[in-house]
Amino acid sequence: TATTRLPGIEYMINTFVTLFWRKRLLTQATERLEDCGFQVICLEAGRWSTERDMHRAMAAALDFPDYYGHNLDALNDCLGDVACYGGYDDAPEGAGLVLVLTDYDRFATACPRTAQVVLDIIADQARKAAVLRRRLICLVQSNDPQIRFEPVGAMPVMWNSDEWADDKRG
């Protein structure tokens, strides 16, 4: 099938941003992606109580340049550079980059607009990267099994295939 031929495709077919409630399933997904050669960067979004916290963490984890402006426009620009031109998958075995955001519901509660925009930026940059035959995937873990986001990157934020039904998260 297509999902076995192209590693990570199950997280890119319908959306580039996939929700997880159970941390066990998230761990299994990240381990599978790492086994396929993806570079996985985990960010503890539950520690972000302000937009500034998020910018600091993203800049450090993604090695943004010193001139990074710590605002959403700068995040869009620098993430675009990482997604489309960064060195994360330059090695022949490299499959792409996975951003894992844990406890994202806490950040979404503290900064709802920013949390939505961050996912939108990631999805948009992932789509642009795909055009260049590069892969950027975002896996978002929420402790709130009912959390919802508006569509991002002109695509919906969807639950993973094991938890897509509401009764699978309750």
Protein backbone atom coordinates (compact mmCIF):
# COMPACT_ATOMS: atom_id res chain seq x y z
CA THR A 1 0.00 0.00 0.00
CA ALA A 2 0.97 3.65 -0.25
CA THR A 3 1.46 3.91 3.51
CA THR A 4 4.15 1.22 3.47
CA ARG A 5 5.97 2.65 0.44
CA LEU A 6 6.31 6.19 1.78
CA PRO A 7 7.13 6.42 5.49
CA GLY A 8 5.00 8.91 7.38
CA ILE A 9 2.39 9.25 4.64
CA GLU A 10 -0.41 8.40 7.09
CA TYR A 11 0.36 11.72 8.78
CA MET A 12 0.32 13.69 5.52
CA ILE A 13 -2.58 12.37 3.46
CA ASN A 14 -5.37 14.44 5.03
CA THR A 15 -3.42 16.92 7.14
CA PHE A 16 0.13 17.75 8.13
CA VAL A 17 -0.94 18.29 11.76
CA THR A 18 -2.27 15.21 13.57
CA LEU A 19 -3.75 15.12 17.07
CA PHE A 20 -3.04 12.51 19.73
CA TRP A 21 -4.65 12.07 23.12
CA ARG A 22 -2.92 8.93 24.37
CA LYS A 23 0.78 9.52 24.91
CA ARG A 24 1.41 5.81 24.30
CA LEU A 25 0.11 6.13 20.73
CA LEU A 26 2.16 9.27 20.20
CA THR A 27 5.29 7.45 21.42
CA GLN A 28 4.59 4.55 19.07
CA ALA A 29 4.12 6.94 16.15
CA THR A 30 7.32 8.84 16.86
CA GLU A 31 9.28 5.60 17.26
CA ARG A 32 7.99 4.34 13.89
CA LEU A 33 8.93 7.62 12.24
CA GLU A 34 12.39 7.62 13.83
CA ASP A 35 12.87 4.02 12.65
CA CYS A 36 12.09 5.25 9.13
CA GLY A 37 14.79 7.92 9.34
CA PHE A 38 12.77 10.96 10.38
CA GLN A 39 14.39 13.47 12.69
CA VAL A 40 12.00 13.96 15.62
CA ILE A 41 12.06 17.16 17.65
CA CYS A 42 9.90 17.12 20.79
CA LEU A 43 8.68 20.36 22.33
CA GLU A 44 6.88 20.47 25.68
CA ALA A 45 4.15 22.97 24.83
CA GLY A 46 2.59 22.50 28.24
CA ARG A 47 5.42 24.64 29.60
CA TRP A 48 4.47 27.58 27.40
CA SER A 49 2.22 30.03 29.23
CA THR A 50 2.96 32.92 26.85
CA GLU A 51 3.68 33.41 23.19
CA ARG A 52 7.18 34.46 24.20
CA ASP A 53 7.74 31.05 25.84
CA MET A 54 6.74 29.34 22.61
CA HIS A 55 9.10 31.48 20.51
CA ARG A 56 12.04 30.78 22.82
CA ALA A 57 11.42 27.03 22.73
CA MET A 58 10.91 26.90 18.96
CA ALA A 59 13.99 29.03 18.28
CA ALA A 60 16.17 26.82 20.50
CA ALA A 61 14.81 23.48 19.26
CA LEU A 62 14.97 24.41 15.57
CA ASP A 63 18.23 26.33 15.82
CA PHE A 64 16.79 29.53 14.40
CA PRO A 65 19.31 32.26 13.57
CA ASP A 66 20.19 34.99 16.09
CA TYR A 67 18.14 37.51 14.12
CA TYR A 68 14.91 35.54 14.74
CA GLY A 69 12.30 38.19 15.58
CA HIS A 70 10.27 36.19 18.15
CA ASN A 71 6.94 36.95 16.49
CA LEU A 72 4.58 34.90 14.34
CA ASP A 73 5.80 36.38 11.04
CA ALA A 74 9.37 35.49 11.98
CA LEU A 75 8.25 31.99 13.00
CA ASN A 76 6.67 31.57 9.58
CA ASP A 77 9.83 32.75 7.82
CA CYS A 78 12.33 30.72 9.87
CA LEU A 79 10.21 27.57 9.94
CA GLY A 80 9.91 27.91 6.17
CA ASP A 81 13.69 27.97 5.92
CA VAL A 82 13.95 24.86 8.11
CA ALA A 83 11.15 23.02 6.30
CA CYS A 84 12.16 23.87 2.76
CA TYR A 85 15.92 24.36 2.90
CA GLY A 86 17.17 23.07 6.27
CA GLY A 87 19.62 20.22 6.60
CA TYR A 88 17.36 17.82 8.49
CA ASP A 89 16.89 15.42 5.59
CA ASP A 90 19.91 16.05 3.42
CA ALA A 91 21.37 12.64 4.24
CA PRO A 92 20.22 9.92 1.81
CA GLU A 93 18.54 8.00 4.64
CA GLY A 94 16.75 11.08 5.95
CA ALA A 95 12.99 10.92 5.64
CA GLY A 96 12.01 14.32 6.98
CA LEU A 97 11.33 16.28 10.13
CA VAL A 98 8.67 15.59 12.75
CA LEU A 99 7.70 18.27 15.25
CA VAL A 100 6.05 16.76 18.32
CA LEU A 101 4.15 19.21 20.54
CA THR A 102 3.09 17.66 23.85
CA ASP A 103 0.46 18.98 26.27
CA TYR A 104 -0.61 21.44 23.58
CA ASP A 105 -4.02 21.90 25.22
CA ARG A 106 -2.32 23.86 28.01
CA PHE A 107 -0.77 26.27 25.54
CA ALA A 108 -4.06 26.46 23.60
CA THR A 109 -5.83 27.45 26.83
CA ALA A 110 -3.22 30.06 27.72
CA CYS A 111 -2.84 31.50 24.19
CA PRO A 112 -5.71 30.24 22.02
CA ARG A 113 -5.16 32.48 19.00
CA THR A 114 -1.41 31.91 18.95
CA ALA A 115 -1.85 28.14 19.36
CA GLN A 116 -4.11 28.07 16.30
CA VAL A 117 -1.78 30.28 14.25
CA VAL A 118 1.27 28.16 15.14
CA LEU A 119 -0.46 25.04 13.81
CA ASP A 120 -1.51 26.95 10.71
CA ILE A 121 2.07 28.09 10.09
CA ILE A 122 3.40 24.54 10.53
CA ALA A 123 0.80 23.09 8.17
CA ASP A 124 1.41 25.76 5.55
CA GLN A 125 5.17 25.26 5.67
CA ALA A 126 4.72 21.46 5.54
CA ARG A 127 2.68 21.83 2.36
CA LYS A 128 5.36 24.08 0.83
CA ALA A 129 8.06 21.59 1.84
CA ALA A 130 6.11 18.76 0.19
CA VAL A 131 6.18 20.65 -3.10
CA LEU A 132 9.99 20.53 -2.82
CA ARG A 133 9.81 16.78 -2.04
CA ARG A 134 10.68 17.34 1.60
CA ARG A 135 8.59 16.16 4.53
CA LEU A 136 7.53 18.07 7.62
CA ILE A 137 5.00 16.45 9.94
CA CYS A 138 3.54 17.81 13.17
CA LEU A 139 2.14 15.51 15.86
CA VAL A 140 0.22 17.33 18.58
CA GLN A 141 -0.64 15.70 21.90
CA SER A 142 -3.56 17.04 23.93
CA ASN A 143 -4.76 15.99 27.37
CA ASP A 144 -8.21 17.24 26.37
CA PRO A 145 -9.83 14.49 24.30
CA GLN A 146 -12.42 16.95 22.96
CA ILE A 147 -10.02 19.66 21.78
CA ARG A 148 -10.77 21.09 18.36
CA PHE A 149 -8.91 23.44 16.07
CA GLU A 150 -9.98 25.34 13.02
CA PRO A 151 -8.55 24.01 9.73
CA VAL A 152 -4.86 24.76 9.28
CA GLY A 153 -2.93 25.25 6.08
CA ALA A 154 -6.34 25.00 4.39
CA MET A 155 -6.58 21.47 5.83
CA PRO A 156 -8.35 20.13 8.93
CA VAL A 157 -6.55 19.17 12.12
CA MET A 158 -7.59 15.56 12.53
CA TRP A 159 -7.25 12.87 15.16
CA ASN A 160 -4.93 9.95 14.44
CA SER A 161 -6.50 6.82 12.95
CA ASP A 162 -6.60 4.97 16.29
CA GLU A 163 -8.45 7.77 18.11
CA TRP A 164 -10.54 9.42 15.38
CA ALA A 165 -13.87 8.40 16.93
CA ASP A 166 -14.85 10.41 20.05
CA ASP A 167 -15.61 7.22 21.98
CA LYS A 168 -11.99 6.07 21.46
CA ARG A 169 -10.79 9.01 23.58
CA GLY A 170 -13.25 8.81 26.46
